[in-house]
Amino acid sequence: MFEMVNAGCSYIGCNQGDCYPQEFLPDLLTANQLGKFPYDQLIKTYPARDIEKAAQDIHSGKTVKAVLLWD
């Protein structure tokens, strides 16, 4: 980290929605179209009855975003 400061670099990120959606969302969609942000690979759906499996997959790193589907 110290090397970044000495080199004049800065790190700018977004945490839990801390962004300006009118700019950020179009940027994400463009990145997806260019193959640079495959968000569909981060999401996995599970039937709601498989909530334990979804939690295990998150903790193991098998999926990033588990989405429960209710019948």
C-alpha atoms as a PDB file:
ATOM      1  CA  MET A   1       0.000   0.000   0.000  1.00  0.00           C
ATOM      2  CA  PHE A   2       2.814   2.424   0.868  1.00  0.00           C
ATOM      3  CA  GLU A   3       4.278   2.030  -2.628  1.00  0.00           C
ATOM      4  CA  MET A   4       0.969   3.144  -4.143  1.00  0.00           C
ATOM      5  CA  VAL A   5       1.018   6.338  -2.091  1.00  0.00           C
ATOM      6  CA  ASN A   6       4.608   7.122  -3.051  1.00  0.00           C
ATOM      7  CA  ALA A   7       3.822   6.489  -6.725  1.00  0.00           C
ATOM      8  CA  GLY A   8       0.894   8.908  -6.629  1.00  0.00           C
ATOM      9  CA  CYS A   9      -1.669   6.137  -7.202  1.00  0.00           C
ATOM     10  CA  SER A  10      -5.113   6.157  -5.726  1.00  0.00           C
ATOM     11  CA  TYR A  11      -7.614   3.391  -5.136  1.00  0.00           C
ATOM     12  CA  ILE A  12     -11.258   4.228  -5.706  1.00  0.00           C
ATOM     13  CA  GLY A  13     -13.911   1.589  -5.176  1.00  0.00           C
ATOM     14  CA  CYS A  14     -17.550   1.001  -4.476  1.00  0.00           C
ATOM     15  CA  ASN A  15     -18.740  -0.727  -1.320  1.00  0.00           C
ATOM     16  CA  GLN A  16     -22.296  -1.964  -0.786  1.00  0.00           C
ATOM     17  CA  GLY A  17     -23.990   0.501  -3.098  1.00  0.00           C
ATOM     18  CA  ASP A  18     -21.807   3.500  -2.336  1.00  0.00           C
ATOM     19  CA  CYS A  19     -21.957   4.845  -5.876  1.00  0.00           C
ATOM     20  CA  TYR A  20     -23.868   7.100  -8.222  1.00  0.00           C
ATOM     21  CA  PRO A  21     -26.144   4.531  -9.951  1.00  0.00           C
ATOM     22  CA  GLN A  22     -26.861   6.721 -12.985  1.00  0.00           C
ATOM     23  CA  GLU A  23     -23.168   6.466 -13.890  1.00  0.00           C
ATOM     24  CA  PHE A  24     -22.099   3.200 -12.283  1.00  0.00           C
ATOM     25  CA  LEU A  25     -24.774   0.861 -13.682  1.00  0.00           C
ATOM     26  CA  PRO A  26     -24.238   1.853 -17.329  1.00  0.00           C
ATOM     27  CA  ASP A  27     -20.497   1.356 -16.761  1.00  0.00           C
ATOM     28  CA  LEU A  28     -21.138  -2.155 -15.394  1.00  0.00           C
ATOM     29  CA  LEU A  29     -23.398  -3.017 -18.333  1.00  0.00           C
ATOM     30  CA  THR A  30     -20.788  -1.762 -20.801  1.00  0.00           C
ATOM     31  CA  ALA A  31     -18.086  -3.777 -19.036  1.00  0.00           C
ATOM     32  CA  ASN A  32     -20.327  -6.846 -19.262  1.00  0.00           C
ATOM     33  CA  GLN A  33     -20.870  -6.325 -22.986  1.00  0.00           C
ATOM     34  CA  LEU A  34     -17.100  -6.073 -23.456  1.00  0.00           C
ATOM     35  CA  GLY A  35     -16.609  -9.327 -21.528  1.00  0.00           C
ATOM     36  CA  LYS A  36     -14.866  -7.568 -18.636  1.00  0.00           C
ATOM     37  CA  PHE A  37     -17.546  -8.088 -15.965  1.00  0.00           C
ATOM     38  CA  PRO A  38     -19.412 -11.400 -16.356  1.00  0.00           C
ATOM     39  CA  TYR A  39     -21.866 -10.783 -13.515  1.00  0.00           C
ATOM     40  CA  ASP A  40     -24.018 -13.709 -14.610  1.00  0.00           C
ATOM     41  CA  GLN A  41     -21.176 -16.015 -13.502  1.00  0.00           C
ATOM     42  CA  LEU A  42     -21.298 -14.555  -9.988  1.00  0.00           C
ATOM     43  CA  ILE A  43     -24.957 -15.467  -9.426  1.00  0.00           C
ATOM     44  CA  LYS A  44     -26.406 -18.904  -8.730  1.00  0.00           C
ATOM     45  CA  THR A  45     -30.063 -19.611  -8.013  1.00  0.00           C
ATOM     46  CA  TYR A  46     -31.358 -22.146  -5.499  1.00  0.00           C
ATOM     47  CA  PRO A  47     -34.850 -23.294  -4.569  1.00  0.00           C
ATOM     48  CA  ALA A  48     -35.701 -21.735  -1.199  1.00  0.00           C
ATOM     49  CA  ARG A  49     -35.780 -25.207   0.376  1.00  0.00           C
ATOM     50  CA  ASP A  50     -32.022 -25.495  -0.401  1.00  0.00           C
ATOM     51  CA  ILE A  51     -31.064 -22.499   1.732  1.00  0.00           C
ATOM     52  CA  GLU A  52     -28.472 -24.536   3.662  1.00  0.00           C
ATOM     53  CA  LYS A  53     -26.769 -25.599   0.404  1.00  0.00           C
ATOM     54  CA  ALA A  54     -26.770 -21.963  -0.747  1.00  0.00           C
ATOM     55  CA  ALA A  55     -25.126 -20.877   2.513  1.00  0.00           C
ATOM     56  CA  GLN A  56     -22.508 -23.645   2.228  1.00  0.00           C
ATOM     57  CA  ASP A  57     -21.706 -22.631  -1.349  1.00  0.00           C
ATOM     58  CA  ILE A  58     -21.206 -19.011  -0.286  1.00  0.00           C
ATOM     59  CA  HIS A  59     -18.932 -19.958   2.622  1.00  0.00           C
ATOM     60  CA  SER A  60     -16.893 -22.337   0.454  1.00  0.00           C
ATOM     61  CA  GLY A  61     -16.520 -19.764  -2.337  1.00  0.00           C
ATOM     62  CA  LYS A  62     -18.401 -21.881  -4.865  1.00  0.00           C
ATOM     63  CA  THR A  63     -20.741 -18.955  -5.519  1.00  0.00           C
ATOM     64  CA  VAL A  64     -20.575 -15.237  -4.829  1.00  0.00           C
ATOM     65  CA  LYS A  65     -24.275 -14.332  -4.839  1.00  0.00           C
ATOM     66  CA  ALA A  66     -26.861 -16.951  -3.916  1.00  0.00           C
ATOM     67  CA  VAL A  67     -30.416 -16.095  -4.966  1.00  0.00           C
ATOM     68  CA  LEU A  68     -33.268 -18.051  -3.398  1.00  0.00           C
ATOM     69  CA  LEU A  69     -36.261 -18.784  -5.605  1.00  0.00           C
ATOM     70  CA  TRP A  70     -39.616 -19.191  -3.904  1.00  0.00           C
ATOM     71  CA  ASP A  71     -42.168 -21.465  -5.553  1.00  0.00           C
END
